[in-house]
C-alpha atoms as a PDB file:
ATOM      1  CA  MET A   1     -98.963 -29.553-108.423  1.00  0.00           C
ATOM      2  CA  ASN A   2     -95.786 -29.265-110.342  1.00  0.00           C
ATOM      3  CA  TRP A   3     -92.814 -27.064-109.527  1.00  0.00           C
ATOM      4  CA  LYS A   4     -93.871 -24.268-111.935  1.00  0.00           C
ATOM      5  CA  VAL A   5     -97.110 -23.674-110.042  1.00  0.00           C
ATOM      6  CA  TRP A   6     -95.281 -23.601-106.711  1.00  0.00           C
ATOM      7  CA  LEU A   7     -92.717 -21.208-108.129  1.00  0.00           C
ATOM      8  CA  ALA A   8     -95.438 -18.875-109.448  1.00  0.00           C
ATOM      9  CA  LEU A   9     -97.283 -18.944-106.102  1.00  0.00           C
ATOM     10  CA  SER A  10     -94.080 -18.265-104.167  1.00  0.00           C
ATOM     11  CA  ILE A  11     -93.178 -15.313-106.381  1.00  0.00           C
ATOM     12  CA  GLY A  12     -96.736 -13.980-106.067  1.00  0.00           C
ATOM     13  CA  VAL A  13     -96.597 -14.163-102.270  1.00  0.00           C
ATOM     14  CA  VAL A  14     -93.240 -12.373-102.119  1.00  0.00           C
ATOM     15  CA  VAL A  15     -94.334  -9.649-104.538  1.00  0.00           C
ATOM     16  CA  GLY A  16     -97.653  -9.197-102.703  1.00  0.00           C
ATOM     17  CA  PHE A  17     -95.887  -8.868 -99.377  1.00  0.00           C
ATOM     18  CA  GLY A  18     -93.510  -6.279-100.832  1.00  0.00           C
ATOM     19  CA  VAL A  19     -96.400  -4.250-102.261  1.00  0.00           C
ATOM     20  CA  CYS A  20     -98.195  -4.283 -98.890  1.00  0.00           C
ATOM     21  CA  VAL A  21     -95.080  -3.084 -97.059  1.00  0.00           C
ATOM     22  CA  CYS A  22     -94.510  -0.284 -99.589  1.00  0.00           C
ATOM     23  CA  ALA A  23     -98.145   0.836 -99.405  1.00  0.00           C
ATOM     24  CA  GLN A  24     -98.002   0.975 -95.607  1.00  0.00           C
ATOM     25  CA  GLU A  25     -94.811   3.060 -95.741  1.00  0.00           C
ATOM     26  CA  LEU A  26     -96.479   5.519 -98.129  1.00  0.00           C
ATOM     27  CA  VAL A  27     -99.445   5.913 -95.779  1.00  0.00           C
ATOM     28  CA  GLU A  28     -97.127   6.461 -92.808  1.00  0.00           C
ATOM     29  CA  ALA A  29     -95.040   8.995 -94.742  1.00  0.00           C
ATOM     30  CA  LYS A  30     -98.167  10.995 -95.553  1.00  0.00           C
ATOM     31  CA  ARG A  31     -99.256  10.885 -91.890  1.00  0.00           C
ATOM     32  CA  ARG A  32     -95.839  12.094 -90.717  1.00  0.00           C
ATOM     33  CA  SER A  33     -95.882  14.857 -93.332  1.00  0.00           C
ATOM     34  CA  TRP A  34     -99.279  16.131 -92.183  1.00  0.00           C
ATOM     35  CA  ALA A  35     -98.200  16.006 -88.529  1.00  0.00           C
ATOM     36  CA  LYS A  36     -95.056  17.998 -89.275  1.00  0.00           C
ATOM     37  CA  ARG A  37     -97.054  20.541 -91.250  1.00  0.00           C
ATOM     38  CA  SER A  38     -99.485  21.038 -88.347  1.00  0.00           C
ATOM     39  CA  ALA A  39     -96.548  21.557 -85.985  1.00  0.00           C
ATOM     40  CA  ALA A  40     -94.911  23.986 -88.423  1.00  0.00           C
ATOM     41  CA  GLU A  41     -98.067  26.093 -88.754  1.00  0.00           C
ATOM     42  CA  CYS A  42     -98.349  26.285 -84.962  1.00  0.00           C
ATOM     43  CA  LEU A  43     -94.701  27.301 -84.743  1.00  0.00           C
ATOM     44  CA  VAL A  44     -95.003  30.022 -87.394  1.00  0.00           C
ATOM     45  CA  LEU A  45     -98.042  31.591 -85.720  1.00  0.00           C
ATOM     46  CA  SER A  46     -96.494  31.322 -82.255  1.00  0.00           C
ATOM     47  CA  ASP A  47     -93.294  32.978 -83.446  1.00  0.00           C
ATOM     48  CA  ALA A  48     -95.247  35.848 -85.037  1.00  0.00           C
ATOM     49  CA  LEU A  49     -97.228  36.368 -81.821  1.00  0.00           C
ATOM     50  CA  GLU A  50     -94.008  36.494 -79.799  1.00  0.00           C
ATOM     51  CA  LYS A  51     -92.476  39.045 -82.193  1.00  0.00           C
ATOM     52  CA  TYR A  52     -95.625  41.182 -81.951  1.00  0.00           C
ATOM     53  CA  ARG A  53     -95.443  40.973 -78.161  1.00  0.00           C
ATOM     54  CA  ALA A  54     -91.757  41.958 -78.172  1.00  0.00           C
ATOM     55  CA  ASP A  55     -92.519  45.030 -80.306  1.00  0.00           C
ATOM     56  CA  HIS A  56     -95.734  46.175 -78.593  1.00  0.00           C
ATOM     57  CA  GLY A  57     -95.456  44.804 -75.038  1.00  0.00           C
ATOM     58  CA  HIS A  58     -98.683  42.794 -75.324  1.00  0.00           C
ATOM     59  CA  TYR A  59    -100.358  40.249 -77.578  1.00  0.00           C
ATOM     60  CA  PRO A  60    -102.948  41.312 -80.161  1.00  0.00           C
ATOM     61  CA  PRO A  61    -106.564  40.487 -79.285  1.00  0.00           C
ATOM     62  CA  LEU A  62    -106.543  36.681 -79.481  1.00  0.00           C
ATOM     63  CA  ASP A  63    -110.310  36.196 -79.776  1.00  0.00           C
ATOM     64  CA  GLY A  64    -110.699  37.656 -83.260  1.00  0.00           C
ATOM     65  CA  ASP A  65    -108.996  37.847 -86.603  1.00  0.00           C
ATOM     66  CA  LEU A  66    -105.234  38.294 -86.271  1.00  0.00           C
ATOM     67  CA  THR A  67    -104.665  39.298 -89.894  1.00  0.00           C
ATOM     68  CA  PRO A  68    -104.684  43.093 -89.366  1.00  0.00           C
ATOM     69  CA  TYR A  69    -102.188  42.792 -86.518  1.00  0.00           C
ATOM     70  CA  LEU A  70     -99.702  40.283 -87.954  1.00  0.00           C
ATOM     71  CA  THR A  71     -99.659  40.937 -91.706  1.00  0.00           C
ATOM     72  CA  PRO A  72     -97.517  42.016 -93.528  1.00  0.00           C
ATOM     73  CA  GLN A  73     -94.923  42.887 -90.870  1.00  0.00           C
ATOM     74  CA  TYR A  74     -94.776  39.473 -89.140  1.00  0.00           C
ATOM     75  CA  LEU A  75     -96.440  37.071 -91.594  1.00  0.00           C
ATOM     76  CA  GLN A  76     -97.470  37.079 -95.244  1.00  0.00           C
ATOM     77  CA  TRP A  77    -100.690  35.314 -94.286  1.00  0.00           C
ATOM     78  CA  VAL A  78    -102.069  34.048 -90.997  1.00  0.00           C
ATOM     79  CA  PRO A  79    -102.660  30.263 -90.837  1.00  0.00           C
ATOM     80  CA  LYS A  80    -106.146  29.600 -89.519  1.00  0.00           C
ATOM     81  CA  GLN A  81    -106.472  25.805 -89.921  1.00  0.00           C
ATOM     82  CA  ASP A  82    -104.360  22.720 -89.429  1.00  0.00           C
ATOM     83  CA  THR A  83    -103.967  19.975 -92.024  1.00  0.00           C
ATOM     84  CA  HIS A  84    -107.399  18.492 -91.197  1.00  0.00           C
ATOM     85  CA  ALA A  85    -109.265  21.793 -91.597  1.00  0.00           C
ATOM     86  CA  GLN A  86    -109.630  22.175 -87.835  1.00  0.00           C
ATOM     87  CA  PRO A  87    -109.138  25.716 -86.532  1.00  0.00           C
ATOM     88  CA  LEU A  88    -105.895  26.618 -84.803  1.00  0.00           C
ATOM     89  CA  VAL A  89    -106.691  27.508 -81.203  1.00  0.00           C
ATOM     90  CA  ILE A  90    -104.805  30.248 -79.366  1.00  0.00           C
ATOM     91  CA  ALA A  91    -104.921  30.141 -75.587  1.00  0.00           C
ATOM     92  CA  LEU A  92    -103.040  31.977 -72.865  1.00  0.00           C
ATOM     93  CA  ARG A  93    -100.988  29.713 -70.597  1.00  0.00           C
ATOM     94  CA  GLY A  94     -99.822  31.937 -67.810  1.00  0.00           C
ATOM     95  CA  ASN A  95     -98.317  34.912 -69.609  1.00  0.00           C
ATOM     96  CA  ARG A  96     -97.528  33.084 -72.887  1.00  0.00           C
ATOM     97  CA  ALA A  97     -99.763  32.447 -75.874  1.00  0.00           C
ATOM     98  CA  ALA A  98     -99.998  28.806 -76.931  1.00  0.00           C
ATOM     99  CA  VAL A  99    -101.064  27.866 -80.454  1.00  0.00           C
ATOM    100  CA  ILE A 100    -102.746  24.471 -80.584  1.00  0.00           C
ATOM    101  CA  ALA A 101    -103.641  22.321 -83.600  1.00  0.00           C
ATOM    102  CA  ILE A 102    -106.548  20.157 -82.490  1.00  0.00           C
ATOM    103  CA  GLY A 103    -106.791  17.926 -85.562  1.00  0.00           C
ATOM    104  CA  ALA A 104    -105.821  14.266 -85.768  1.00  0.00           C
ATOM    105  CA  TYR A 105    -102.112  15.130 -85.873  1.00  0.00           C
ATOM    106  CA  GLY A 106    -102.289  17.887 -83.306  1.00  0.00           C
ATOM    107  CA  ALA A 107     -99.400  19.904 -81.954  1.00  0.00           C
ATOM    108  CA  MET A 108     -98.797  22.823 -79.634  1.00  0.00           C
ATOM    109  CA  ALA A 109     -96.336  25.690 -79.932  1.00  0.00           C
ATOM    110  CA  GLU A 110     -95.616  28.187 -77.204  1.00  0.00           C
ATOM    111  CA  GLY A 111     -93.069  30.967 -76.990  1.00  0.00           C
ATOM    112  CA  GLY A 112     -91.891  30.442 -80.560  1.00  0.00           C
ATOM    113  CA  ALA A 113     -91.036  26.751 -80.012  1.00  0.00           C
ATOM    114  CA  VAL A 114     -92.928  23.492 -80.539  1.00  0.00           C
ATOM    115  CA  VAL A 115     -93.850  22.201 -77.098  1.00  0.00           C
ATOM    116  CA  ARG A 116     -95.789  19.035 -77.781  1.00  0.00           C
ATOM    117  CA  PRO A 117     -95.967  17.525 -81.221  1.00  0.00           C
ATOM    118  CA  LYS A 118     -97.886  14.296 -81.421  1.00  0.00           C
ATOM    119  CA  SER A 119     -95.605  11.387 -82.153  1.00  0.00           C
ATOM    120  CA  TYR A 120     -94.709  11.126 -85.809  1.00  0.00           C
END
């Protein structure tokens, strides 16, 4: 093979490697974005529950729809799902309500603060 073929192959390998690295970074950026959104939705709902508790002395009934209790005074709308369409779970941990996103990029918020985001 002559030098032109080797040059073309070398450039192709370098460009291909660069494209693969960029594509992987885009996939990781999307994953991190979805994880942060799940954590943010848990945090927003947890904060609204804590504000309701501060005003009323107790949490609203956690086993049903929270919309009548939290809108419009605490939230404009109540998030019901995480970024993978999995329901947000609300559980009592001791005397605090914990909001848990159980999807692939799950997170947990308790007391108006994110307790355990998955690594992102």
